Amino acid sequence: MLDWGAPLIAAALFAFLSPGLIFQMPGKNGPLEIMNMKTTAASIFVHTVIYGLFLILFFIVLNVHLYF
């Protein structure tokens, strides 16, 4: 059996944490903007840090595995 937890969780987090898709932090006009489909360099950096922290949470702290 193959462990599909890492690629599925990483791909889902990457999609949902893309700046501007669901939320953007920091936004251009405020600290948080919802679904504006625009991005800034600061927003890319913040979303990268959040993405990395979520990956650490799921793979190191929670040790998530999905076997198919």
N, C-alpha and C. Protein backbone atom coordinates (compact mmCIF):
# COMPACT_ATOMS: atom_id res chain seq x y z
N MET A 1 0.83 -1.19 0.00
CA MET A 1 0.00 0.00 0.00
C MET A 1 0.88 1.25 0.00
N LEU A 2 0.39 2.26 -0.67
CA LEU A 2 1.12 3.52 -0.75
C LEU A 2 0.51 4.55 0.20
N ASP A 3 1.38 5.36 0.78
CA ASP A 3 0.94 6.43 1.67
C ASP A 3 0.68 7.68 0.84
N TRP A 4 -0.60 8.04 0.66
CA TRP A 4 -0.99 9.18 -0.14
C TRP A 4 -1.27 10.42 0.71
N GLY A 5 -1.03 10.36 2.00
CA GLY A 5 -1.32 11.48 2.88
C GLY A 5 -0.52 12.73 2.55
N ALA A 6 0.78 12.57 2.36
CA ALA A 6 1.63 13.73 2.11
C ALA A 6 1.29 14.46 0.82
N PRO A 7 1.20 13.77 -0.33
CA PRO A 7 0.90 14.53 -1.55
C PRO A 7 -0.51 15.11 -1.58
N LEU A 8 -1.50 14.41 -1.03
CA LEU A 8 -2.87 14.93 -1.04
C LEU A 8 -3.02 16.15 -0.13
N ILE A 9 -2.48 16.06 1.07
CA ILE A 9 -2.58 17.18 2.00
C ILE A 9 -1.77 18.38 1.50
N ALA A 10 -0.57 18.14 0.98
CA ALA A 10 0.25 19.23 0.47
C ALA A 10 -0.42 19.92 -0.72
N ALA A 11 -1.00 19.14 -1.63
CA ALA A 11 -1.66 19.74 -2.79
C ALA A 11 -2.91 20.53 -2.38
N ALA A 12 -3.69 19.98 -1.44
CA ALA A 12 -4.90 20.69 -0.99
C ALA A 12 -4.53 21.98 -0.27
N LEU A 13 -3.54 21.93 0.60
CA LEU A 13 -3.12 23.15 1.29
C LEU A 13 -2.57 24.17 0.31
N PHE A 14 -1.80 23.72 -0.68
CA PHE A 14 -1.25 24.64 -1.67
C PHE A 14 -2.38 25.34 -2.43
N ALA A 15 -3.40 24.59 -2.79
CA ALA A 15 -4.51 25.17 -3.55
C ALA A 15 -5.31 26.16 -2.69
N PHE A 16 -5.64 25.76 -1.47
CA PHE A 16 -6.49 26.61 -0.64
C PHE A 16 -5.75 27.79 -0.04
N LEU A 17 -4.43 27.68 0.11
CA LEU A 17 -3.66 28.79 0.69
C LEU A 17 -3.02 29.68 -0.35
N SER A 18 -3.40 29.55 -1.60
CA SER A 18 -2.91 30.47 -2.64
C SER A 18 -3.44 31.86 -2.33
N PRO A 19 -2.58 32.86 -2.28
CA PRO A 19 -3.05 34.21 -1.94
C PRO A 19 -4.12 34.70 -2.89
N GLY A 20 -5.23 35.15 -2.34
CA GLY A 20 -6.31 35.71 -3.12
C GLY A 20 -7.40 34.74 -3.49
N LEU A 21 -7.15 33.43 -3.37
CA LEU A 21 -8.17 32.46 -3.75
C LEU A 21 -9.32 32.48 -2.76
N ILE A 22 -9.06 32.18 -1.51
CA ILE A 22 -10.10 32.22 -0.48
C ILE A 22 -9.92 33.45 0.39
N PHE A 23 -8.70 33.68 0.83
CA PHE A 23 -8.41 34.88 1.62
C PHE A 23 -7.00 35.36 1.28
N GLN A 24 -6.75 36.61 1.59
CA GLN A 24 -5.43 37.19 1.41
C GLN A 24 -5.05 37.95 2.66
N MET A 25 -3.88 37.60 3.18
CA MET A 25 -3.43 38.21 4.41
C MET A 25 -1.96 38.58 4.24
N PRO A 26 -1.49 39.75 4.35
CA PRO A 26 -2.23 41.01 4.44
C PRO A 26 -2.77 41.42 3.07
N GLY A 27 -3.91 42.06 3.09
CA GLY A 27 -4.52 42.53 1.86
C GLY A 27 -3.97 43.87 1.43
N LYS A 28 -4.39 44.33 0.28
CA LYS A 28 -3.92 45.64 -0.20
C LYS A 28 -4.57 46.79 0.56
N ASN A 29 -5.83 46.60 0.98
CA ASN A 29 -6.55 47.68 1.64
C ASN A 29 -6.83 47.41 3.12
N GLY A 30 -6.42 46.26 3.63
CA GLY A 30 -6.67 45.94 5.02
C GLY A 30 -5.89 44.70 5.42
N PRO A 31 -6.01 44.31 6.69
CA PRO A 31 -5.24 43.16 7.16
C PRO A 31 -5.72 41.83 6.59
N LEU A 32 -6.99 41.73 6.18
CA LEU A 32 -7.53 40.49 5.64
C LEU A 32 -8.56 40.82 4.56
N GLU A 33 -8.41 40.21 3.40
CA GLU A 33 -9.37 40.39 2.32
C GLU A 33 -9.85 39.01 1.88
N ILE A 34 -11.10 38.93 1.47
CA ILE A 34 -11.71 37.66 1.08
C ILE A 34 -11.92 37.64 -0.44
N MET A 35 -11.43 36.59 -1.09
CA MET A 35 -11.64 36.28 -2.51
C MET A 35 -11.48 37.50 -3.43
N ASN A 36 -10.32 38.16 -3.38
CA ASN A 36 -10.11 39.30 -4.26
C ASN A 36 -9.28 38.96 -5.49
N MET A 37 -8.68 37.77 -5.55
CA MET A 37 -7.91 37.26 -6.69
C MET A 37 -6.75 38.19 -7.09
N LYS A 38 -6.21 38.92 -6.14
CA LYS A 38 -5.03 39.75 -6.35
C LYS A 38 -4.02 39.41 -5.27
N THR A 39 -2.76 39.67 -5.51
CA THR A 39 -1.75 39.30 -4.53
C THR A 39 -0.63 40.35 -4.47
N THR A 40 0.11 40.31 -3.39
CA THR A 40 1.26 41.18 -3.18
C THR A 40 2.43 40.31 -2.71
N ALA A 41 3.63 40.86 -2.72
CA ALA A 41 4.80 40.12 -2.27
C ALA A 41 4.70 39.77 -0.79
N ALA A 42 4.18 40.70 0.00
CA ALA A 42 4.00 40.44 1.43
C ALA A 42 3.00 39.30 1.66
N SER A 43 1.95 39.28 0.88
CA SER A 43 0.94 38.24 1.00
C SER A 43 1.52 36.87 0.62
N ILE A 44 2.35 36.84 -0.43
CA ILE A 44 2.99 35.59 -0.82
C ILE A 44 3.87 35.07 0.30
N PHE A 45 4.63 35.95 0.94
CA PHE A 45 5.49 35.54 2.05
C PHE A 45 4.68 35.01 3.23
N VAL A 46 3.61 35.72 3.62
CA VAL A 46 2.79 35.29 4.75
C VAL A 46 2.13 33.94 4.46
N HIS A 47 1.60 33.76 3.26
CA HIS A 47 0.97 32.49 2.92
C HIS A 47 1.98 31.36 2.85
N THR A 48 3.22 31.64 2.45
CA THR A 48 4.27 30.62 2.45
C THR A 48 4.59 30.17 3.86
N VAL A 49 4.67 31.10 4.79
CA VAL A 49 4.94 30.75 6.19
C VAL A 49 3.78 29.93 6.76
N ILE A 50 2.55 30.32 6.48
CA ILE A 50 1.38 29.58 6.96
C ILE A 50 1.36 28.17 6.37
N TYR A 51 1.66 28.05 5.07
CA TYR A 51 1.72 26.75 4.40
C TYR A 51 2.75 25.84 5.07
N GLY A 52 3.93 26.38 5.32
CA GLY A 52 4.97 25.60 5.98
C GLY A 52 4.58 25.16 7.38
N LEU A 53 3.93 26.05 8.13
CA LEU A 53 3.50 25.69 9.48
C LEU A 53 2.42 24.61 9.46
N PHE A 54 1.49 24.68 8.51
CA PHE A 54 0.48 23.63 8.38
C PHE A 54 1.10 22.30 7.98
N LEU A 55 2.10 22.31 7.09
CA LEU A 55 2.77 21.07 6.72
C LEU A 55 3.48 20.46 7.93
N ILE A 56 4.14 21.27 8.72
CA ILE A 56 4.78 20.78 9.93
C ILE A 56 3.75 20.20 10.88
N LEU A 57 2.61 20.88 11.03
CA LEU A 57 1.55 20.39 11.91
C LEU A 57 1.05 19.03 11.46
N PHE A 58 0.71 18.88 10.19
CA PHE A 58 0.13 17.63 9.71
C PHE A 58 1.13 16.48 9.67
N PHE A 59 2.36 16.73 9.23
CA PHE A 59 3.30 15.63 8.99
C PHE A 59 4.20 15.31 10.17
N ILE A 60 4.55 16.28 10.96
CA ILE A 60 5.46 16.02 12.08
C ILE A 60 4.70 15.89 13.40
N VAL A 61 3.81 16.82 13.67
CA VAL A 61 3.10 16.81 14.96
C VAL A 61 1.99 15.75 14.96
N LEU A 62 1.12 15.77 13.95
CA LEU A 62 -0.02 14.84 13.91
C LEU A 62 0.30 13.51 13.23
N ASN A 63 1.38 13.44 12.44
CA ASN A 63 1.82 12.22 11.78
C ASN A 63 0.69 11.58 10.97
N VAL A 64 0.10 12.35 10.05
CA VAL A 64 -1.03 11.91 9.25
C VAL A 64 -0.59 10.99 8.14
N HIS A 65 -1.32 9.87 7.95
CA HIS A 65 -1.07 8.92 6.86
C HIS A 65 -2.41 8.53 6.24
N LEU A 66 -2.44 8.39 4.92
CA LEU A 66 -3.58 7.89 4.19
C LEU A 66 -3.11 6.75 3.29
N TYR A 67 -3.53 5.55 3.56
CA TYR A 67 -3.08 4.40 2.78
C TYR A 67 -4.18 3.96 1.82
N PHE A 68 -3.81 3.78 0.54
CA PHE A 68 -4.72 3.29 -0.47
C PHE A 68 -4.11 2.11 -1.16
